[in-house]
Amino acid sequence: MTSGRAAAQHLRDLAPLCGVRDRIDREYAQPLNVEALARDAYISAGHFSRQFRLTHGESPYGYVMTRRIEPAIVRLRRANLSGDPGRLLVTGRVLRSAREPAVPNCDDYASAVRVVR
């Protein structure tokens, strides 16, 4: 009986986290912060971050960044780019840092994107 109650409580604890993940999936392009997301789950920001990582396998920040990057990677793959800049961008190697140009003759990431377009 006790393990059944514990399992039921665990599921009730997960429900707000899943709701927050759904919000992130809907609003990933909008500014999001951990405090606001934690308020939606009715827990503190620190506890929210720990629980989110345990439940979803990555931090809230990492999840948001992954959601933001995925559409760009899909668009680049669909563009069927040929040549070195395209291969670098599609494999994600250009995501090193904005100060390190990954594409020759480009000063920053924005220039690299313009070259590929």
Protein backbone atom coordinates (compact mmCIF):
# COMPACT_ATOMS: atom_id res chain seq x y z
CA MET A 1 0.00 0.00 0.00
CA THR A 2 2.74 2.47 0.91
CA SER A 3 4.58 2.04 -2.40
CA GLY A 4 1.30 2.65 -4.27
CA ARG A 5 0.80 5.91 -2.40
CA ALA A 6 4.41 6.92 -3.05
CA ALA A 7 3.99 6.20 -6.77
CA ALA A 8 0.78 8.22 -6.88
CA GLN A 9 2.48 11.12 -5.10
CA HIS A 10 5.41 10.92 -7.52
CA LEU A 11 3.01 11.19 -10.47
CA ARG A 12 1.30 14.19 -8.88
CA ASP A 13 4.72 15.83 -8.43
CA LEU A 14 5.60 15.23 -12.09
CA ALA A 15 2.43 16.78 -13.50
CA PRO A 16 3.49 20.43 -12.97
CA LEU A 17 6.93 19.70 -14.47
CA CYS A 18 5.34 18.23 -17.58
CA GLY A 19 3.12 21.29 -17.82
CA VAL A 20 6.19 23.52 -17.66
CA ARG A 21 7.91 21.44 -20.35
CA ASP A 22 4.83 21.86 -22.53
CA ARG A 23 5.01 25.63 -21.95
CA ILE A 24 8.68 25.64 -22.99
CA ASP A 25 7.79 23.67 -26.14
CA ARG A 26 5.11 26.25 -27.01
CA GLU A 27 7.01 29.41 -26.04
CA TYR A 28 10.67 28.53 -26.64
CA ALA A 29 11.13 31.55 -28.91
CA GLN A 30 9.99 33.91 -26.13
CA PRO A 31 12.20 35.05 -23.25
CA LEU A 32 11.96 32.44 -20.48
CA ASN A 33 13.55 32.37 -17.04
CA VAL A 34 13.80 29.67 -14.39
CA GLU A 35 11.99 31.72 -11.75
CA ALA A 36 8.88 32.14 -13.91
CA LEU A 37 8.91 28.48 -14.92
CA ALA A 38 9.32 27.43 -11.28
CA ARG A 39 6.33 29.56 -10.31
CA ASP A 40 4.26 27.64 -12.87
CA ALA A 41 5.33 24.39 -11.17
CA TYR A 42 4.61 25.86 -7.69
CA ILE A 43 8.13 25.17 -6.41
CA SER A 44 11.32 27.15 -5.78
CA ALA A 45 13.71 27.85 -8.65
CA GLY A 46 16.47 25.65 -7.22
CA HIS A 47 14.15 22.72 -6.58
CA PHE A 48 12.60 23.19 -10.02
CA SER A 49 16.01 23.04 -11.73
CA ARG A 50 16.98 19.87 -9.84
CA GLN A 51 13.63 18.17 -10.48
CA PHE A 52 13.59 19.18 -14.15
CA ARG A 53 17.06 17.69 -14.65
CA LEU A 54 16.05 14.46 -12.88
CA THR A 55 12.83 14.18 -14.89
CA HIS A 56 14.00 15.26 -18.36
CA GLY A 57 17.73 14.49 -18.31
CA GLU A 58 18.97 18.05 -18.82
CA SER A 59 18.73 21.43 -17.15
CA PRO A 60 15.87 23.80 -18.01
CA TYR A 61 18.37 26.09 -19.75
CA GLY A 62 19.76 23.19 -21.79
CA TYR A 63 16.26 22.09 -22.77
CA VAL A 64 15.31 25.61 -23.90
CA MET A 65 18.52 25.98 -25.90
CA THR A 66 17.98 22.60 -27.57
CA ARG A 67 14.43 23.60 -28.52
CA ARG A 68 15.71 26.89 -29.97
CA ILE A 69 18.49 25.29 -32.00
CA GLU A 70 16.51 22.35 -33.42
CA PRO A 71 14.45 24.38 -35.95
CA ALA A 72 17.59 26.05 -37.30
CA ILE A 73 19.30 22.69 -37.78
CA VAL A 74 16.24 21.33 -39.59
CA ARG A 75 16.15 24.36 -41.90
CA LEU A 76 19.84 23.99 -42.68
CA ARG A 77 19.44 20.30 -43.47
CA ARG A 78 16.49 21.03 -45.75
CA ALA A 79 18.50 23.69 -47.59
CA ASN A 80 20.65 20.88 -49.01
CA LEU A 81 23.80 22.96 -48.71
CA SER A 82 26.87 21.83 -50.51
CA GLY A 83 30.36 23.03 -49.75
CA ASP A 84 32.30 23.50 -46.54
CA PRO A 85 30.19 26.24 -44.87
CA GLY A 86 27.08 24.12 -45.21
CA ARG A 87 28.72 21.01 -43.79
CA LEU A 88 30.11 22.95 -40.86
CA LEU A 89 26.76 24.48 -40.01
CA VAL A 90 24.74 21.29 -40.40
CA THR A 91 27.06 19.28 -38.19
CA GLY A 92 26.84 21.98 -35.51
CA ARG A 93 30.53 22.76 -35.42
CA VAL A 94 29.84 26.45 -36.00
CA LEU A 95 28.17 26.67 -32.57
CA ARG A 96 31.56 26.97 -30.84
CA SER A 97 31.44 30.67 -30.11
CA ALA A 98 30.65 33.93 -31.82
CA ARG A 99 34.26 35.07 -31.40
CA GLU A 100 35.68 32.08 -33.27
CA PRO A 101 34.71 32.15 -36.94
CA ALA A 102 34.00 28.62 -38.15
CA VAL A 103 33.61 29.65 -41.77
CA PRO A 104 36.69 31.04 -43.52
CA ASN A 105 36.59 34.80 -44.23
CA CYS A 106 33.73 35.38 -41.79
CA ASP A 107 34.19 37.52 -38.71
CA ASP A 108 31.26 36.20 -36.72
CA TYR A 109 28.31 33.83 -36.72
CA ALA A 110 25.99 36.34 -38.44
CA SER A 111 28.44 36.68 -41.33
CA ALA A 112 28.65 32.90 -41.58
CA VAL A 113 24.88 32.66 -41.85
CA ARG A 114 24.83 35.34 -44.56
CA VAL A 115 27.49 33.40 -46.52
CA VAL A 116 25.40 30.24 -46.37
CA ARG A 117 22.15 31.96 -47.41
